[in-house]
Structures are given as structure tokens and as C-alpha cells.
Protein backbone atom coordinates (compact mmCIF):
# COMPACT_ATOMS: atom_id res chain seq x y z
CA MET A 1 107.84 83.69 113.01
CA GLY A 2 105.13 82.74 115.41
CA ASN A 3 101.54 83.30 114.51
CA ILE A 4 101.48 86.86 115.78
CA VAL A 5 99.20 88.52 113.28
CA PRO A 6 97.70 91.86 114.26
CA SER A 7 93.99 92.28 113.67
CA SER A 8 94.69 95.19 111.34
CA ALA A 9 97.22 93.32 109.14
CA LEU A 10 94.76 92.40 106.42
CA GLN A 11 93.48 95.96 106.05
CA ILE A 12 97.02 97.40 106.11
CA LEU A 13 98.16 95.00 103.39
CA GLN A 14 95.11 95.70 101.22
CA ARG A 15 95.58 99.47 101.46
CA THR A 16 99.30 99.03 100.76
CA LEU A 17 98.46 97.03 97.64
CA ASP A 18 96.16 99.79 96.37
CA SER A 19 98.73 102.47 97.08
CA VAL A 20 101.61 100.60 95.39
CA ARG A 21 99.48 100.23 92.25
CA LEU A 22 99.12 104.01 92.14
CA ARG A 23 102.80 104.71 92.81
CA ALA A 24 104.13 102.79 89.82
CA ASN A 25 105.92 104.89 87.22
CA SER A 26 105.11 104.84 83.50
CA ASN A 27 107.41 101.83 83.01
CA GLY A 28 105.49 99.79 85.59
CA GLU A 29 108.21 99.98 88.23
CA CYS A 30 108.47 101.12 91.82
CA PHE A 31 111.08 101.28 94.55
CA GLY A 32 110.96 98.67 97.30
CA GLY A 33 111.08 101.49 99.83
CA GLU A 34 107.81 102.81 98.42
CA ILE A 35 106.14 99.60 99.57
CA MET A 36 107.14 100.35 103.16
CA ASP A 37 106.12 103.99 102.80
CA ALA A 38 102.70 102.86 101.59
CA MET A 39 102.44 100.40 104.48
CA ARG A 40 103.28 103.09 107.04
CA GLU A 41 100.73 105.43 105.52
CA ALA A 42 98.08 102.69 105.54
CA GLY A 43 98.76 102.03 109.21
CA ILE A 44 98.59 105.71 110.08
CA GLU A 45 95.30 106.06 108.18
CA GLN A 46 93.86 103.24 110.28
CA ARG A 47 95.31 104.70 113.46
CA VAL A 48 97.19 101.54 114.43
CA ASP A 49 100.31 101.65 116.53
CA ARG A 50 103.82 101.22 115.18
CA LEU A 51 104.12 97.65 116.51
CA GLU A 52 101.20 96.46 114.37
CA ILE A 53 102.82 98.02 111.30
CA LEU A 54 106.10 96.27 112.10
CA LEU A 55 104.35 92.93 112.63
CA THR A 56 102.60 93.40 109.28
CA ARG A 57 105.97 94.15 107.71
CA ALA A 58 107.26 90.87 109.18
CA ILE A 59 104.42 89.04 107.42
CA LEU A 60 105.40 90.66 104.13
CA VAL A 61 109.10 89.86 104.64
CA GLN A 62 108.26 86.21 105.40
CA THR A 63 106.09 86.04 102.28
CA MET A 64 108.81 87.57 100.12
CA GLU A 65 111.30 85.00 101.44
CA SER A 66 108.91 82.15 100.66
CA LEU A 67 108.59 83.46 97.09
CA GLY A 68 112.37 83.41 96.60
CA GLU A 69 113.48 86.95 97.46
CA SER A 70 116.99 86.64 98.92
CA TYR A 71 117.10 89.85 100.97
CA PRO A 72 113.51 91.05 101.47
CA ALA A 73 114.30 93.46 104.30
CA MET A 74 116.87 95.19 102.11
CA VAL A 75 114.41 95.38 99.21
CA LEU A 76 111.89 97.16 101.44
CA GLN A 77 114.53 99.81 102.26
CA ASP A 78 115.79 100.32 98.70
CA TYR A 79 115.21 103.68 97.03
CA GLU A 80 117.91 103.27 94.39
CA ASN A 81 116.85 100.25 92.35
CA ARG A 82 113.42 99.92 90.84
CA MET A 83 111.54 96.66 90.73
CA PRO A 84 108.64 95.64 88.48
CA VAL A 85 105.39 96.59 90.15
CA SER A 86 104.05 93.17 89.17
CA ARG A 87 106.55 91.57 91.54
CA ALA A 88 105.59 93.98 94.34
CA LEU A 89 101.91 93.21 93.77
CA ARG A 90 102.59 89.47 93.77
CA TYR A 91 104.34 89.76 97.15
CA LEU A 92 101.50 91.82 98.60
CA MET A 93 98.73 89.58 97.21
CA GLU A 94 100.42 86.48 98.56
CA ALA A 95 100.81 88.14 101.98
CA ILE A 96 97.11 89.07 101.91
CA ASP A 97 96.13 85.50 101.02
CA TRP A 98 98.40 84.06 103.72
CA THR A 99 96.99 86.45 106.33
CA ARG A 100 93.41 85.68 105.29
CA ARG A 101 94.02 81.91 105.51
CA LEU A 102 95.65 82.28 108.91
CA LYS A 103 92.77 84.42 110.22
CA GLU A 104 90.19 81.92 108.93
CA ALA A 105 92.05 79.03 110.54
CA ASP A 106 92.27 80.97 113.79
CA ASP A 107 88.53 81.70 113.66
CA ILE A 108 87.77 78.00 113.20
CA VAL A 109 89.96 77.06 116.16
CA ARG A 110 88.34 79.70 118.37
CA SER A 111 84.74 78.98 117.36
CA PRO A 112 82.50 77.60 120.14
CA GLU A 113 81.62 74.52 118.08
CA THR A 114 85.21 73.30 117.94
CA CYS A 115 85.95 74.09 121.59
CA ALA A 116 83.07 72.10 123.05
CA ALA A 117 84.03 68.55 123.97
CA PRO A 118 81.53 65.78 123.29
CA ALA A 119 79.69 64.56 126.38
CA ALA A 120 81.39 61.17 126.16
CA LEU A 121 84.81 62.85 126.43
CA ASN A 122 83.82 65.30 129.14
CA PRO A 123 84.51 63.68 132.55
CA ILE A 124 82.56 66.37 134.43
CA GLN A 125 78.85 65.84 133.92
CA ASP A 126 75.89 67.24 135.80
């Protein structure tokens, strides 16, 4: 995946995390499909378009793969098999951390201090 991270991804993931915590049953389990439902609802609450929600889902899928989930896209569509909410929260927290690190790195790259070339390297001088 390229570094296509929507500006709303961090907020969507954080709201999804909060919602998944509330959706857990008394045994501390939830359906993988409930994670996607919570993500859609978070995106709708923030009035973001469907593409940003899908790009945020891609971030979560990539994170789940990196943490060893074999079929993350299937897990996010599953309403038959419950998973421990601790695993769902771990996936979401890791996706939030990854998104935050990526945003911070992007901010550093785009800051005016890092874009300005030293005078010795700048061939055009007044």
C-alpha cells in the first residue's frame, strides 16, 4: 500500500476503538464485522466520504496482516465467529500508532525547515 492516508483516518480509528470497546459482549468478545460497522459509523459521524473510510479500512487490514492475521479482510466481514475484544483492540491500537507515526513523519517532511536548502547548496542566489 502506498502512503495514502486520509486526514480523517486517525479520528476514524480512534472512534472505532471506542465503539468496539462498548460492543463487546459479557465474555469480552465481538464479531469482526462489528469492527467494520463501527468504522463506518465513525466515518459517517465525521461526515467523511466512503473513499476515506475504505482507505482507513486498508490501513487496518495492513496492520492486521503485520500482526499475523492470515485473512484480515475476511475477519472484518465475519458475523458468525466471535473474536476476543482484546485482539480487536490490539489491531486498532496498532493501526492508530502506525497512522500517528506516518502523519508525524509526513509533517516533518513537509515542514518549511526541512524543505529549505542551505545557501551553499542553492545555486540561485540574489
